[in-house]
Amino acid sequence: MTIQTTTHRDEILARLKGSNDAKSAGLAKRLLSSVESEPLSSKPSSIKASAALSIWETRQKVTAITNVEIYGAQSLIQRLRSLDPDSHLEQFAFLGPKSAGSVFFAKEGGQLVGVAFVDRDEADLPQAPK
């Protein structure tokens, strides 16, 4: 069963309510509540679990150099390692004045896979487009 996708914040929050992963759901709610803009795209990105794992393992290694904490990254990486590498994910990216990050759901079944985000103040990131 494939879940209908949306990028409306309220609908994503509703999808989090049924999650078995309270910690990741809590982090996702924190990201969504701190972001004042809508998602970067009108539709989620599609990415294979293996590609997401490679990207987030690399980003986690970079934090040792930058000292910028990526909230939820370690849990996301652990969860990605447990998935079929060829499974597809929906990635909802958010960028706002206070935070930047992504929420990941399994494309098949719609379960929350994880979330990863940074506080923009700590990361010294460029400002969000207006």
C-alpha atoms as a PDB file:
ATOM      1  CA  MET A   1       0.000   0.000   0.000  1.00  0.00           C
ATOM      2  CA  THR A   2       1.433   3.400  -0.991  1.00  0.00           C
ATOM      3  CA  ILE A   3       0.463   6.365   1.139  1.00  0.00           C
ATOM      4  CA  GLN A   4      -0.792   9.584  -0.470  1.00  0.00           C
ATOM      5  CA  THR A   5       1.953  12.160   0.038  1.00  0.00           C
ATOM      6  CA  THR A   6       1.616  15.748   1.097  1.00  0.00           C
ATOM      7  CA  THR A   7       3.867  18.519   2.282  1.00  0.00           C
ATOM      8  CA  HIS A   8       1.356  20.431   4.362  1.00  0.00           C
ATOM      9  CA  ARG A   9       2.771  20.749   7.877  1.00  0.00           C
ATOM     10  CA  ASP A  10      -0.499  19.765   9.604  1.00  0.00           C
ATOM     11  CA  GLU A  11      -0.814  16.611   7.535  1.00  0.00           C
ATOM     12  CA  ILE A  12       2.765  15.606   8.274  1.00  0.00           C
ATOM     13  CA  LEU A  13       2.114  16.205  11.976  1.00  0.00           C
ATOM     14  CA  ALA A  14      -0.947  13.955  11.697  1.00  0.00           C
ATOM     15  CA  ARG A  15       1.213  11.203  10.173  1.00  0.00           C
ATOM     16  CA  LEU A  16       3.514  11.421  13.200  1.00  0.00           C
ATOM     17  CA  LYS A  17       0.710  10.643  15.653  1.00  0.00           C
ATOM     18  CA  GLY A  18       0.666   6.962  14.759  1.00  0.00           C
ATOM     19  CA  SER A  19       4.439   6.532  15.019  1.00  0.00           C
ATOM     20  CA  ASN A  20       5.944   3.819  17.217  1.00  0.00           C
ATOM     21  CA  ASP A  21       9.116   5.912  17.522  1.00  0.00           C
ATOM     22  CA  ALA A  22       8.196   8.558  20.105  1.00  0.00           C
ATOM     23  CA  LYS A  23      11.700  10.067  20.205  1.00  0.00           C
ATOM     24  CA  SER A  24      11.906  10.644  16.436  1.00  0.00           C
ATOM     25  CA  ALA A  25       8.293  11.831  16.310  1.00  0.00           C
ATOM     26  CA  GLY A  26       9.086  14.317  19.074  1.00  0.00           C
ATOM     27  CA  LEU A  27      12.124  15.616  17.182  1.00  0.00           C
ATOM     28  CA  ALA A  28      10.080  15.900  13.990  1.00  0.00           C
ATOM     29  CA  LYS A  29       7.431  17.900  15.852  1.00  0.00           C
ATOM     30  CA  ARG A  30      10.198  20.139  17.223  1.00  0.00           C
ATOM     31  CA  LEU A  31      11.531  20.738  13.701  1.00  0.00           C
ATOM     32  CA  LEU A  32       8.091  21.455  12.280  1.00  0.00           C
ATOM     33  CA  SER A  33       7.150  23.783  15.120  1.00  0.00           C
ATOM     34  CA  SER A  34      10.394  25.753  14.762  1.00  0.00           C
ATOM     35  CA  VAL A  35      10.160  26.178  11.007  1.00  0.00           C
ATOM     36  CA  GLU A  36       8.164  29.191   9.883  1.00  0.00           C
ATOM     37  CA  SER A  37       8.277  28.358   6.192  1.00  0.00           C
ATOM     38  CA  GLU A  38       6.566  25.615   4.266  1.00  0.00           C
ATOM     39  CA  PRO A  39       8.642  22.699   2.964  1.00  0.00           C
ATOM     40  CA  LEU A  40      11.239  23.434   0.298  1.00  0.00           C
ATOM     41  CA  SER A  41       9.255  21.503  -2.305  1.00  0.00           C
ATOM     42  CA  SER A  42       5.580  20.958  -3.004  1.00  0.00           C
ATOM     43  CA  LYS A  43       6.251  17.206  -3.113  1.00  0.00           C
ATOM     44  CA  PRO A  44       8.586  15.006  -1.091  1.00  0.00           C
ATOM     45  CA  SER A  45      11.856  13.810  -2.565  1.00  0.00           C
ATOM     46  CA  SER A  46      12.247  10.098  -3.160  1.00  0.00           C
ATOM     47  CA  ILE A  47      15.475   8.457  -2.031  1.00  0.00           C
ATOM     48  CA  LYS A  48      16.638   4.871  -1.556  1.00  0.00           C
ATOM     49  CA  ALA A  49      17.456   3.840   1.993  1.00  0.00           C
ATOM     50  CA  SER A  50      21.033   2.976   0.939  1.00  0.00           C
ATOM     51  CA  ALA A  51      21.609   6.465  -0.497  1.00  0.00           C
ATOM     52  CA  ALA A  52      20.123   8.153   2.565  1.00  0.00           C
ATOM     53  CA  LEU A  53      22.322   6.017   4.812  1.00  0.00           C
ATOM     54  CA  SER A  54      25.461   6.994   2.904  1.00  0.00           C
ATOM     55  CA  ILE A  55      24.570  10.692   3.036  1.00  0.00           C
ATOM     56  CA  TRP A  56      23.711  10.751   6.741  1.00  0.00           C
ATOM     57  CA  GLU A  57      26.723   8.669   7.798  1.00  0.00           C
ATOM     58  CA  THR A  58      28.916  11.213   5.998  1.00  0.00           C
ATOM     59  CA  ARG A  59      27.092  14.168   7.544  1.00  0.00           C
ATOM     60  CA  GLN A  60      27.446  12.621  10.990  1.00  0.00           C
ATOM     61  CA  LYS A  61      31.223  12.256  10.467  1.00  0.00           C
ATOM     62  CA  VAL A  62      31.464  15.919   9.436  1.00  0.00           C
ATOM     63  CA  THR A  63      29.967  16.968  12.781  1.00  0.00           C
ATOM     64  CA  ALA A  64      33.216  15.895  14.429  1.00  0.00           C
ATOM     65  CA  ILE A  65      34.894  18.726  12.500  1.00  0.00           C
ATOM     66  CA  THR A  66      32.154  21.366  12.631  1.00  0.00           C
ATOM     67  CA  ASN A  67      30.896  20.673  16.162  1.00  0.00           C
ATOM     68  CA  VAL A  68      27.342  21.292  14.917  1.00  0.00           C
ATOM     69  CA  GLU A  69      24.877  18.823  16.406  1.00  0.00           C
ATOM     70  CA  ILE A  70      22.492  17.155  13.981  1.00  0.00           C
ATOM     71  CA  TYR A  71      19.483  16.293  16.099  1.00  0.00           C
ATOM     72  CA  GLY A  72      18.095  12.832  15.360  1.00  0.00           C
ATOM     73  CA  ALA A  73      20.905  11.812  12.994  1.00  0.00           C
ATOM     74  CA  GLN A  74      22.166   8.891  15.059  1.00  0.00           C
ATOM     75  CA  SER A  75      18.666   7.394  15.403  1.00  0.00           C
ATOM     76  CA  LEU A  76      18.017   7.981  11.696  1.00  0.00           C
ATOM     77  CA  ILE A  77      21.253   6.196  10.781  1.00  0.00           C
ATOM     78  CA  GLN A  78      20.421   3.227  13.015  1.00  0.00           C
ATOM     79  CA  ARG A  79      16.958   2.972  11.511  1.00  0.00           C
ATOM     80  CA  LEU A  80      18.305   3.265   7.925  1.00  0.00           C
ATOM     81  CA  ARG A  81      20.749   0.414   8.643  1.00  0.00           C
ATOM     82  CA  SER A  82      17.789  -1.806   9.567  1.00  0.00           C
ATOM     83  CA  LEU A  83      15.902  -1.181   6.316  1.00  0.00           C
ATOM     84  CA  ASP A  84      16.166  -3.006   3.002  1.00  0.00           C
ATOM     85  CA  PRO A  85      18.802  -0.934   1.131  1.00  0.00           C
ATOM     86  CA  ASP A  86      16.554  -0.822  -1.948  1.00  0.00           C
ATOM     87  CA  SER A  87      13.485   0.429  -0.083  1.00  0.00           C
ATOM     88  CA  HIS A  88      12.307   3.900  -1.035  1.00  0.00           C
ATOM     89  CA  LEU A  89      11.766   6.776   1.359  1.00  0.00           C
ATOM     90  CA  GLU A  90       9.894  10.054   1.198  1.00  0.00           C
ATOM     91  CA  GLN A  91      12.031  12.977   2.328  1.00  0.00           C
ATOM     92  CA  PHE A  92      10.331  16.204   3.378  1.00  0.00           C
ATOM     93  CA  ALA A  93      12.895  19.009   3.627  1.00  0.00           C
ATOM     94  CA  PHE A  94      12.271  22.147   5.682  1.00  0.00           C
ATOM     95  CA  LEU A  95      14.198  25.389   5.847  1.00  0.00           C
ATOM     96  CA  GLY A  96      13.372  28.259   8.125  1.00  0.00           C
ATOM     97  CA  PRO A  97      14.963  31.048  10.097  1.00  0.00           C
ATOM     98  CA  LYS A  98      15.620  28.818  13.123  1.00  0.00           C
ATOM     99  CA  SER A  99      16.079  25.267  11.809  1.00  0.00           C
ATOM    100  CA  ALA A 100      16.854  23.249   8.698  1.00  0.00           C
ATOM    101  CA  GLY A 101      16.231  19.552   8.309  1.00  0.00           C
ATOM    102  CA  SER A 102      14.321  16.629   6.889  1.00  0.00           C
ATOM    103  CA  VAL A 103      11.671  14.149   7.969  1.00  0.00           C
ATOM    104  CA  PHE A 104      11.749  10.676   6.409  1.00  0.00           C
ATOM    105  CA  PHE A 105       8.863   8.247   5.928  1.00  0.00           C
ATOM    106  CA  ALA A 106       8.848   4.802   4.315  1.00  0.00           C
ATOM    107  CA  LYS A 107       7.267   5.195   0.894  1.00  0.00           C
ATOM    108  CA  GLU A 108       5.578   1.829   1.273  1.00  0.00           C
ATOM    109  CA  GLY A 109       3.383   1.861   4.373  1.00  0.00           C
ATOM    110  CA  GLY A 110       4.121   5.440   5.396  1.00  0.00           C
ATOM    111  CA  GLN A 111       5.891   4.724   8.703  1.00  0.00           C
ATOM    112  CA  LEU A 112       8.177   7.358  10.193  1.00  0.00           C
ATOM    113  CA  VAL A 113      11.793   6.384   9.551  1.00  0.00           C
ATOM    114  CA  GLY A 114      13.419   9.347  11.256  1.00  0.00           C
ATOM    115  CA  VAL A 115      14.302  13.001  11.304  1.00  0.00           C
ATOM    116  CA  ALA A 116      17.521  14.993  11.200  1.00  0.00           C
ATOM    117  CA  PHE A 117      17.930  18.732  11.630  1.00  0.00           C
ATOM    118  CA  VAL A 118      20.223  21.492  12.803  1.00  0.00           C
ATOM    119  CA  ASP A 119      19.560  24.694  14.650  1.00  0.00           C
ATOM    120  CA  ARG A 120      20.540  27.372  12.153  1.00  0.00           C
ATOM    121  CA  ASP A 121      21.990  29.644  14.847  1.00  0.00           C
ATOM    122  CA  GLU A 122      24.451  26.928  15.879  1.00  0.00           C
ATOM    123  CA  ALA A 123      25.253  25.929  12.289  1.00  0.00           C
ATOM    124  CA  ASP A 124      25.823  29.480  10.973  1.00  0.00           C
ATOM    125  CA  LEU A 125      23.879  28.590   7.805  1.00  0.00           C
ATOM    126  CA  PRO A 126      22.873  31.094   5.117  1.00  0.00           C
ATOM    127  CA  GLN A 127      19.465  32.659   5.618  1.00  0.00           C
ATOM    128  CA  ALA A 128      16.366  31.040   4.157  1.00  0.00           C
ATOM    129  CA  PRO A 129      15.059  32.546   0.899  1.00  0.00           C
ATOM    130  CA  LYS A 130      12.128  34.913   1.269  1.00  0.00           C
END
